[in-house]
Amino acid sequence: YKIYNGYTKYIARKAFDQKLPDNIVWRRDKKGWELPQKTWLENGLLKNINDTIINGKFLHKIGKLNTFNKAKNNLSNRNIKTIIKCFNTELW
């Protein structure tokens, strides 16, 4: 189901067949499906993550709270990954 006749993501391609132009659905060059993480963070998610981390104890305990605080001030791709990792660590 993942690969069929040399096409990756075959199920997704079939799902979008007739809904998107063929030159998009059936192209062979690899394109990632990026999530709009920066937009999500800018529109409220960062506040929720911040509240979870500030009210949590684990990042405090392992000395990584400063890493999170530095990352949240500049939403570059690298810092977004750091924010998500810190959040997942705190939740775990």
PDB file of N, CA and C in Angstrom:
ATOM      1  N   TYR A   1       0.804  -1.202   0.000  1.00  0.00           N
ATOM      2  CA  TYR A   1       0.000   0.000   0.000  1.00  0.00           C
ATOM      3  C   TYR A   1       0.849   1.269   0.000  1.00  0.00           C
ATOM      4  N   LYS A   2       2.079   1.157   0.505  1.00  0.00           N
ATOM      5  CA  LYS A   2       2.939   2.334   0.536  1.00  0.00           C
ATOM      6  C   LYS A   2       3.547   2.628  -0.825  1.00  0.00           C
ATOM      7  N   ILE A   3       3.923   1.572  -1.537  1.00  0.00           N
ATOM      8  CA  ILE A   3       4.554   1.752  -2.849  1.00  0.00           C
ATOM      9  C   ILE A   3       3.826   0.866  -3.851  1.00  0.00           C
ATOM     10  N   TYR A   4       3.476   1.455  -5.003  1.00  0.00           N
ATOM     11  CA  TYR A   4       2.791   0.702  -6.042  1.00  0.00           C
ATOM     12  C   TYR A   4       3.270   1.226  -7.393  1.00  0.00           C
ATOM     13  N   ASN A   5       3.784   0.343  -8.217  1.00  0.00           N
ATOM     14  CA  ASN A   5       4.306   0.708  -9.534  1.00  0.00           C
ATOM     15  C   ASN A   5       5.287   1.879  -9.472  1.00  0.00           C
ATOM     16  N   GLY A   6       6.099   1.881  -8.426  1.00  0.00           N
ATOM     17  CA  GLY A   6       7.114   2.913  -8.280  1.00  0.00           C
ATOM     18  C   GLY A   6       6.633   4.204  -7.637  1.00  0.00           C
ATOM     19  N   TYR A   7       5.364   4.296  -7.291  1.00  0.00           N
ATOM     20  CA  TYR A   7       4.833   5.495  -6.641  1.00  0.00           C
ATOM     21  C   TYR A   7       4.779   5.281  -5.135  1.00  0.00           C
ATOM     22  N   THR A   8       5.419   6.191  -4.396  1.00  0.00           N
ATOM     23  CA  THR A   8       5.319   6.153  -2.941  1.00  0.00           C
ATOM     24  C   THR A   8       4.010   6.812  -2.531  1.00  0.00           C
ATOM     25  N   LYS A   9       3.632   6.638  -1.276  1.00  0.00           N
ATOM     26  CA  LYS A   9       2.410   7.248  -0.732  1.00  0.00           C
ATOM     27  C   LYS A   9       1.203   6.961  -1.643  1.00  0.00           C
ATOM     28  N   TYR A  10       1.114   5.745  -2.103  1.00  0.00           N
ATOM     29  CA  TYR A  10       0.117   5.405  -3.111  1.00  0.00           C
ATOM     30  C   TYR A  10      -1.322   5.645  -2.642  1.00  0.00           C
ATOM     31  N   ILE A  11      -1.616   5.299  -1.404  1.00  0.00           N
ATOM     32  CA  ILE A  11      -2.984   5.500  -0.900  1.00  0.00           C
ATOM     33  C   ILE A  11      -3.335   6.983  -0.880  1.00  0.00           C
ATOM     34  N   ALA A  12      -2.389   7.807  -0.441  1.00  0.00           N
ATOM     35  CA  ALA A  12      -2.632   9.254  -0.427  1.00  0.00           C
ATOM     36  C   ALA A  12      -2.814   9.775  -1.850  1.00  0.00           C
ATOM     37  N   ARG A  13      -2.017   9.272  -2.770  1.00  0.00           N
ATOM     38  CA  ARG A  13      -2.150   9.713  -4.169  1.00  0.00           C
ATOM     39  C   ARG A  13      -3.527   9.342  -4.734  1.00  0.00           C
ATOM     40  N   LYS A  14      -3.979   8.125  -4.425  1.00  0.00           N
ATOM     41  CA  LYS A  14      -5.305   7.709  -4.905  1.00  0.00           C
ATOM     42  C   LYS A  14      -6.402   8.565  -4.270  1.00  0.00           C
ATOM     43  N   ALA A  15      -6.210   8.918  -3.008  1.00  0.00           N
ATOM     44  CA  ALA A  15      -7.212   9.733  -2.316  1.00  0.00           C
ATOM     45  C   ALA A  15      -7.335  11.123  -2.950  1.00  0.00           C
ATOM     46  N   PHE A  16      -6.215  11.658  -3.432  1.00  0.00           N
ATOM     47  CA  PHE A  16      -6.234  12.993  -4.016  1.00  0.00           C
ATOM     48  C   PHE A  16      -6.379  12.985  -5.536  1.00  0.00           C
ATOM     49  N   ASP A  17      -6.386  11.797  -6.136  1.00  0.00           N
ATOM     50  CA  ASP A  17      -6.596  11.695  -7.585  1.00  0.00           C
ATOM     51  C   ASP A  17      -7.965  12.277  -7.930  1.00  0.00           C
ATOM     52  N   GLN A  18      -8.029  13.073  -8.958  1.00  0.00           N
ATOM     53  CA  GLN A  18      -9.253  13.742  -9.416  1.00  0.00           C
ATOM     54  C   GLN A  18      -9.613  14.951  -8.544  1.00  0.00           C
ATOM     55  N   LYS A  19      -8.877  15.164  -7.448  1.00  0.00           N
ATOM     56  CA  LYS A  19      -9.132  16.319  -6.588  1.00  0.00           C
ATOM     57  C   LYS A  19      -8.053  17.387  -6.753  1.00  0.00           C
ATOM     58  N   LEU A  20      -6.861  16.934  -7.117  1.00  0.00           N
ATOM     59  CA  LEU A  20      -5.734  17.825  -7.395  1.00  0.00           C
ATOM     60  C   LEU A  20      -5.242  17.536  -8.807  1.00  0.00           C
ATOM     61  N   PRO A  21      -4.534  18.472  -9.401  1.00  0.00           N
ATOM     62  CA  PRO A  21      -4.004  18.228 -10.746  1.00  0.00           C
ATOM     63  C   PRO A  21      -3.055  17.024 -10.767  1.00  0.00           C
ATOM     64  N   ASP A  22      -3.076  16.294 -11.886  1.00  0.00           N
ATOM     65  CA  ASP A  22      -2.232  15.103 -12.023  1.00  0.00           C
ATOM     66  C   ASP A  22      -0.750  15.409 -11.829  1.00  0.00           C
ATOM     67  N   ASN A  23      -0.301  16.598 -12.286  1.00  0.00           N
ATOM     68  CA  ASN A  23       1.124  16.910 -12.160  1.00  0.00           C
ATOM     69  C   ASN A  23       1.549  17.078 -10.696  1.00  0.00           C
ATOM     70  N   ILE A  24       0.601  17.247  -9.804  1.00  0.00           N
ATOM     71  CA  ILE A  24       0.903  17.291  -8.371  1.00  0.00           C
ATOM     72  C   ILE A  24       0.752  15.893  -7.769  1.00  0.00           C
ATOM     73  N   VAL A  25      -0.354  15.250  -8.045  1.00  0.00           N
ATOM     74  CA  VAL A  25      -0.641  13.943  -7.441  1.00  0.00           C
ATOM     75  C   VAL A  25       0.370  12.887  -7.866  1.00  0.00           C
ATOM     76  N   TRP A  26       0.759  12.874  -9.114  1.00  0.00           N
ATOM     77  CA  TRP A  26       1.568  11.778  -9.642  1.00  0.00           C
ATOM     78  C   TRP A  26       3.026  12.149  -9.901  1.00  0.00           C
ATOM     79  N   ARG A  27       3.497  13.274  -9.364  1.00  0.00           N
ATOM     80  CA  ARG A  27       4.910  13.610  -9.563  1.00  0.00           C
ATOM     81  C   ARG A  27       5.773  12.640  -8.760  1.00  0.00           C
ATOM     82  N   ARG A  28       6.992  12.455  -9.237  1.00  0.00           N
ATOM     83  CA  ARG A  28       7.877  11.465  -8.615  1.00  0.00           C
ATOM     84  C   ARG A  28       8.934  12.095  -7.704  1.00  0.00           C
ATOM     85  N   ASP A  29       9.130  13.413  -7.812  1.00  0.00           N
ATOM     86  CA  ASP A  29      10.109  14.028  -6.919  1.00  0.00           C
ATOM     87  C   ASP A  29       9.510  14.109  -5.516  1.00  0.00           C
ATOM     88  N   LYS A  30      10.339  13.827  -4.548  1.00  0.00           N
ATOM     89  CA  LYS A  30       9.851  13.716  -3.180  1.00  0.00           C
ATOM     90  C   LYS A  30       9.603  15.103  -2.584  1.00  0.00           C
ATOM     91  N   LYS A  31       8.432  15.278  -2.040  1.00  0.00           N
ATOM     92  CA  LYS A  31       8.064  16.515  -1.344  1.00  0.00           C
ATOM     93  C   LYS A  31       7.490  16.120   0.012  1.00  0.00           C
ATOM     94  N   GLY A  32       7.977  16.743   1.062  1.00  0.00           N
ATOM     95  CA  GLY A  32       7.449  16.467   2.398  1.00  0.00           C
ATOM     96  C   GLY A  32       6.137  17.200   2.610  1.00  0.00           C
ATOM     97  N   TRP A  33       5.355  16.706   3.506  1.00  0.00           N
ATOM     98  CA  TRP A  33       4.111  17.370   3.878  1.00  0.00           C
ATOM     99  C   TRP A  33       4.372  18.074   5.199  1.00  0.00           C
ATOM    100  N   GLU A  34       4.769  19.322   5.100  1.00  0.00           N
ATOM    101  CA  GLU A  34       5.137  20.091   6.281  1.00  0.00           C
ATOM    102  C   GLU A  34       3.917  20.457   7.123  1.00  0.00           C
ATOM    103  N   LEU A  35       4.070  20.361   8.396  1.00  0.00           N
ATOM    104  CA  LEU A  35       3.029  20.806   9.315  1.00  0.00           C
ATOM    105  C   LEU A  35       3.234  22.291   9.610  1.00  0.00           C
ATOM    106  N   PRO A  36       2.177  23.040   9.779  1.00  0.00           N
ATOM    107  CA  PRO A  36       2.312  24.476  10.035  1.00  0.00           C
ATOM    108  C   PRO A  36       2.590  24.763  11.519  1.00  0.00           C
ATOM    109  N   GLN A  37       3.667  24.171  12.032  1.00  0.00           N
ATOM    110  CA  GLN A  37       3.961  24.270  13.461  1.00  0.00           C
ATOM    111  C   GLN A  37       4.170  25.715  13.906  1.00  0.00           C
ATOM    112  N   LYS A  38       4.869  26.510  13.093  1.00  0.00           N
ATOM    113  CA  LYS A  38       5.127  27.897  13.479  1.00  0.00           C
ATOM    114  C   LYS A  38       3.809  28.660  13.623  1.00  0.00           C
ATOM    115  N   THR A  39       2.897  28.459  12.679  1.00  0.00           N
ATOM    116  CA  THR A  39       1.591  29.120  12.738  1.00  0.00           C
ATOM    117  C   THR A  39       0.831  28.674  13.978  1.00  0.00           C
ATOM    118  N   TRP A  40       0.848  27.387  14.259  1.00  0.00           N
ATOM    119  CA  TRP A  40       0.164  26.880  15.451  1.00  0.00           C
ATOM    120  C   TRP A  40       0.728  27.515  16.713  1.00  0.00           C
ATOM    121  N   LEU A  41       2.072  27.580  16.783  1.00  0.00           N
ATOM    122  CA  LEU A  41       2.704  28.156  17.966  1.00  0.00           C
ATOM    123  C   LEU A  41       2.346  29.628  18.115  1.00  0.00           C
ATOM    124  N   GLU A  42       2.338  30.354  17.016  1.00  0.00           N
ATOM    125  CA  GLU A  42       2.031  31.784  17.054  1.00  0.00           C
ATOM    126  C   GLU A  42       0.563  32.054  17.381  1.00  0.00           C
ATOM    127  N   ASN A  43      -0.300  31.089  17.142  1.00  0.00           N
ATOM    128  CA  ASN A  43      -1.736  31.279  17.341  1.00  0.00           C
ATOM    129  C   ASN A  43      -2.274  30.571  18.588  1.00  0.00           C
ATOM    130  N   GLY A  44      -1.477  30.469  19.632  1.00  0.00           N
ATOM    131  CA  GLY A  44      -1.990  29.978  20.896  1.00  0.00           C
ATOM    132  C   GLY A  44      -1.342  28.725  21.450  1.00  0.00           C
ATOM    133  N   LEU A  45      -0.776  27.888  20.593  1.00  0.00           N
ATOM    134  CA  LEU A  45      -0.195  26.644  21.092  1.00  0.00           C
ATOM    135  C   LEU A  45       1.003  26.911  22.005  1.00  0.00           C
ATOM    136  N   LEU A  46       1.803  27.923  21.681  1.00  0.00           N
ATOM    137  CA  LEU A  46       2.980  28.216  22.494  1.00  0.00           C
ATOM    138  C   LEU A  46       2.576  28.585  23.922  1.00  0.00           C
ATOM    139  N   LYS A  47       1.485  29.309  24.081  1.00  0.00           N
ATOM    140  CA  LYS A  47       1.015  29.663  25.423  1.00  0.00           C
ATOM    141  C   LYS A  47       0.647  28.398  26.201  1.00  0.00           C
ATOM    142  N   ASN A  48      -0.052  27.477  25.552  1.00  0.00           N
ATOM    143  CA  ASN A  48      -0.422  26.215  26.214  1.00  0.00           C
ATOM    144  C   ASN A  48       0.806  25.393  26.581  1.00  0.00           C
ATOM    145  N   ILE A  49       1.764  25.332  25.666  1.00  0.00           N
ATOM    146  CA  ILE A  49       3.004  24.596  25.939  1.00  0.00           C
ATOM    147  C   ILE A  49       3.746  25.257  27.091  1.00  0.00           C
ATOM    148  N   ASN A  50       3.855  26.582  27.034  1.00  0.00           N
ATOM    149  CA  ASN A  50       4.545  27.328  28.084  1.00  0.00           C
ATOM    150  C   ASN A  50       3.902  27.069  29.455  1.00  0.00           C
ATOM    151  N   ASP A  51       2.578  27.145  29.507  1.00  0.00           N
ATOM    152  CA  ASP A  51       1.872  26.897  30.769  1.00  0.00           C
ATOM    153  C   ASP A  51       2.158  25.499  31.308  1.00  0.00           C
ATOM    154  N   THR A  52       2.157  24.510  30.418  1.00  0.00           N
ATOM    155  CA  THR A  52       2.431  23.126  30.823  1.00  0.00           C
ATOM    156  C   THR A  52       3.836  22.996  31.385  1.00  0.00           C
ATOM    157  N   ILE A  53       4.801  23.608  30.715  1.00  0.00           N
ATOM    158  CA  ILE A  53       6.196  23.481  31.140  1.00  0.00           C
ATOM    159  C   ILE A  53       6.461  24.271  32.417  1.00  0.00           C
ATOM    160  N   ILE A  54       5.936  25.483  32.496  1.00  0.00           N
ATOM    161  CA  ILE A  54       6.160  26.306  33.685  1.00  0.00           C
ATOM    162  C   ILE A  54       5.515  25.661  34.927  1.00  0.00           C
ATOM    163  N   ASN A  55       4.334  25.066  34.737  1.00  0.00           N
ATOM    164  CA  ASN A  55       3.647  24.404  35.854  1.00  0.00           C
ATOM    165  C   ASN A  55       4.162  22.992  36.128  1.00  0.00           C
ATOM    166  N   GLY A  56       4.956  22.476  35.216  1.00  0.00           N
ATOM    167  CA  GLY A  56       5.506  21.135  35.388  1.00  0.00           C
ATOM    168  C   GLY A  56       6.754  21.147  36.248  1.00  0.00           C
ATOM    169  N   LYS A  57       7.299  19.980  36.473  1.00  0.00           N
ATOM    170  CA  LYS A  57       8.466  19.863  37.342  1.00  0.00           C
ATOM    171  C   LYS A  57       9.673  19.227  36.661  1.00  0.00           C
ATOM    172  N   PHE A  58       9.436  18.478  35.580  1.00  0.00           N
ATOM    173  CA  PHE A  58      10.516  17.655  35.044  1.00  0.00           C
ATOM    174  C   PHE A  58      11.642  18.483  34.413  1.00  0.00           C
ATOM    175  N   LEU A  59      11.309  19.448  33.551  1.00  0.00           N
ATOM    176  CA  LEU A  59      12.366  20.255  32.939  1.00  0.00           C
ATOM    177  C   LEU A  59      13.119  21.064  33.990  1.00  0.00           C
ATOM    178  N   HIS A  60      12.404  21.520  35.012  1.00  0.00           N
ATOM    179  CA  HIS A  60      13.075  22.185  36.139  1.00  0.00           C
ATOM    180  C   HIS A  60      14.095  21.225  36.755  1.00  0.00           C
ATOM    181  N   LYS A  61      13.634  20.014  37.020  1.00  0.00           N
ATOM    182  CA  LYS A  61      14.446  19.016  37.718  1.00  0.00           C
ATOM    183  C   LYS A  61      15.710  18.643  36.946  1.00  0.00           C
ATOM    184  N   ILE A  62      15.598  18.512  35.616  1.00  0.00           N
ATOM    185  CA  ILE A  62      16.767  18.097  34.828  1.00  0.00           C
ATOM    186  C   ILE A  62      17.571  19.288  34.307  1.00  0.00           C
ATOM    187  N   GLY A  63      17.169  20.498  34.677  1.00  0.00           N
ATOM    188  CA  GLY A  63      17.941  21.691  34.318  1.00  0.00           C
ATOM    189  C   GLY A  63      17.807  22.136  32.870  1.00  0.00           C
ATOM    190  N   LYS A  64      16.687  21.846  32.248  1.00  0.00           N
ATOM    191  CA  LYS A  64      16.487  22.204  30.837  1.00  0.00           C
ATOM    192  C   LYS A  64      15.482  23.331  30.626  1.00  0.00           C
ATOM    193  N   LEU A  65      15.003  23.936  31.688  1.00  0.00           N
ATOM    194  CA  LEU A  65      14.029  25.017  31.546  1.00  0.00           C
ATOM    195  C   LEU A  65      14.612  26.196  30.776  1.00  0.00           C
ATOM    196  N   ASN A  66      15.886  26.495  30.993  1.00  0.00           N
ATOM    197  CA  ASN A  66      16.542  27.593  30.286  1.00  0.00           C
ATOM    198  C   ASN A  66      16.596  27.326  28.776  1.00  0.00           C
ATOM    199  N   THR A  67      16.802  26.080  28.394  1.00  0.00           N
ATOM    200  CA  THR A  67      16.814  25.704  26.970  1.00  0.00           C
ATOM    201  C   THR A  67      15.470  26.033  26.330  1.00  0.00           C
ATOM    202  N   PHE A  68      14.394  25.686  27.014  1.00  0.00           N
ATOM    203  CA  PHE A  68      13.056  25.992  26.515  1.00  0.00           C
ATOM    204  C   PHE A  68      12.845  27.499  26.424  1.00  0.00           C
ATOM    205  N   ASN A  69      13.209  28.223  27.474  1.00  0.00           N
ATOM    206  CA  ASN A  69      12.992  29.671  27.496  1.00  0.00           C
ATOM    207  C   ASN A  69      13.735  30.385  26.374  1.00  0.00           C
ATOM    208  N   LYS A  70      14.943  29.939  26.060  1.00  0.00           N
ATOM    209  CA  LYS A  70      15.701  30.532  24.948  1.00  0.00           C
ATOM    210  C   LYS A  70      15.016  30.233  23.614  1.00  0.00           C
ATOM    211  N   ALA A  71      14.552  29.014  23.451  1.00  0.00           N
ATOM    212  CA  ALA A  71      13.950  28.592  22.182  1.00  0.00           C
ATOM    213  C   ALA A  71      12.646  29.312  21.892  1.00  0.00           C
ATOM    214  N   LYS A  72      11.853  29.575  22.909  1.00  0.00           N
ATOM    215  CA  LYS A  72      10.529  30.159  22.676  1.00  0.00           C
ATOM    216  C   LYS A  72      10.585  31.624  22.253  1.00  0.00           C
ATOM    217  N   ASN A  73      11.738  32.255  22.396  1.00  0.00           N
ATOM    218  CA  ASN A  73      11.878  33.663  22.016  1.00  0.00           C
ATOM    219  C   ASN A  73      12.163  33.868  20.537  1.00  0.00           C
ATOM    220  N   ASN A  74      12.485  32.808  19.814  1.00  0.00           N
ATOM    221  CA  ASN A  74      12.775  32.908  18.382  1.00  0.00           C
ATOM    222  C   ASN A  74      12.291  31.633  17.709  1.00  0.00           C
ATOM    223  N   LEU A  75      11.209  31.730  16.948  1.00  0.00           N
ATOM    224  CA  LEU A  75      10.588  30.533  16.370  1.00  0.00           C
ATOM    225  C   LEU A  75      11.241  30.118  15.043  1.00  0.00           C
ATOM    226  N   SER A  76      12.539  29.871  15.078  1.00  0.00           N
ATOM    227  CA  SER A  76      13.226  29.297  13.917  1.00  0.00           C
ATOM    228  C   SER A  76      12.887  27.805  13.877  1.00  0.00           C
ATOM    229  N   ASN A  77      13.169  27.159  12.751  1.00  0.00           N
ATOM    230  CA  ASN A  77      12.877  25.723  12.636  1.00  0.00           C
ATOM    231  C   ASN A  77      13.579  24.922  13.730  1.00  0.00           C
ATOM    232  N   ARG A  78      14.831  25.271  14.003  1.00  0.00           N
ATOM    233  CA  ARG A  78      15.590  24.552  15.033  1.00  0.00           C
ATOM    234  C   ARG A  78      14.950  24.754  16.411  1.00  0.00           C
ATOM    235  N   ASN A  79      14.558  25.982  16.707  1.00  0.00           N
ATOM    236  CA  ASN A  79      13.954  26.258  18.011  1.00  0.00           C
ATOM    237  C   ASN A  79      12.576  25.624  18.146  1.00  0.00           C
ATOM    238  N   ILE A  80      11.826  25.547  17.056  1.00  0.00           N
ATOM    239  CA  ILE A  80      10.527  24.871  17.096  1.00  0.00           C
ATOM    240  C   ILE A  80      10.717  23.408  17.484  1.00  0.00           C
ATOM    241  N   LYS A  81      11.729  22.764  16.909  1.00  0.00           N
ATOM    242  CA  LYS A  81      12.016  21.373  17.270  1.00  0.00           C
ATOM    243  C   LYS A  81      12.370  21.259  18.753  1.00  0.00           C
ATOM    244  N   THR A  82      13.142  22.227  19.260  1.00  0.00           N
ATOM    245  CA  THR A  82      13.511  22.226  20.670  1.00  0.00           C
ATOM    246  C   THR A  82      12.281  22.390  21.551  1.00  0.00           C
ATOM    247  N   ILE A  83      11.383  23.303  21.174  1.00  0.00           N
ATOM    248  CA  ILE A  83      10.154  23.530  21.938  1.00  0.00           C
ATOM    249  C   ILE A  83       9.323  22.255  22.005  1.00  0.00           C
ATOM    250  N   ILE A  84       9.149  21.597  20.863  1.00  0.00           N
ATOM    251  CA  ILE A  84       8.355  20.364  20.812  1.00  0.00           C
ATOM    252  C   ILE A  84       9.014  19.264  21.648  1.00  0.00           C
ATOM    253  N   LYS A  85      10.351  19.154  21.557  1.00  0.00           N
ATOM    254  CA  LYS A  85      11.052  18.142  22.355  1.00  0.00           C
ATOM    255  C   LYS A  85      10.881  18.416  23.853  1.00  0.00           C
ATOM    256  N   CYS A  86      11.006  19.675  24.243  1.00  0.00           N
ATOM    257  CA  CYS A  86      10.831  20.024  25.660  1.00  0.00           C
ATOM    258  C   CYS A  86       9.410  19.708  26.126  1.00  0.00           C
ATOM    259  N   PHE A  87       8.444  20.042  25.299  1.00  0.00           N
ATOM    260  CA  PHE A  87       7.048  19.766  25.637  1.00  0.00           C
ATOM    261  C   PHE A  87       6.809  18.268  25.791  1.00  0.00           C
ATOM    262  N   ASN A  88       7.276  17.497  24.828  1.00  0.00           N
ATOM    263  CA  ASN A  88       7.107  16.047  24.899  1.00  0.00           C
ATOM    264  C   ASN A  88       7.803  15.467  26.126  1.00  0.00           C
ATOM    265  N   THR A  89       8.981  15.983  26.441  1.00  0.00           N
ATOM    266  CA  THR A  89       9.713  15.523  27.619  1.00  0.00           C
ATOM    267  C   THR A  89       8.931  15.824  28.890  1.00  0.00           C
ATOM    268  N   GLU A  90       8.382  17.026  28.971  1.00  0.00           N
ATOM    269  CA  GLU A  90       7.601  17.396  30.159  1.00  0.00           C
ATOM    270  C   GLU A  90       6.351  16.539  30.290  1.00  0.00           C
ATOM    271  N   LEU A  91       5.689  16.275  29.168  1.00  0.00           N
ATOM    272  CA  LEU A  91       4.493  15.430  29.209  1.00  0.00           C
ATOM    273  C   LEU A  91       4.831  13.993  29.604  1.00  0.00           C
ATOM    274  N   TRP A  92       5.956  13.504  29.090  1.00  0.00           N
ATOM    275  CA  TRP A  92       6.367  12.141  29.376  1.00  0.00           C
ATOM    276  C   TRP A  92       6.663  11.993  30.846  1.00  0.00           C
TER     277      TRP A  92
END
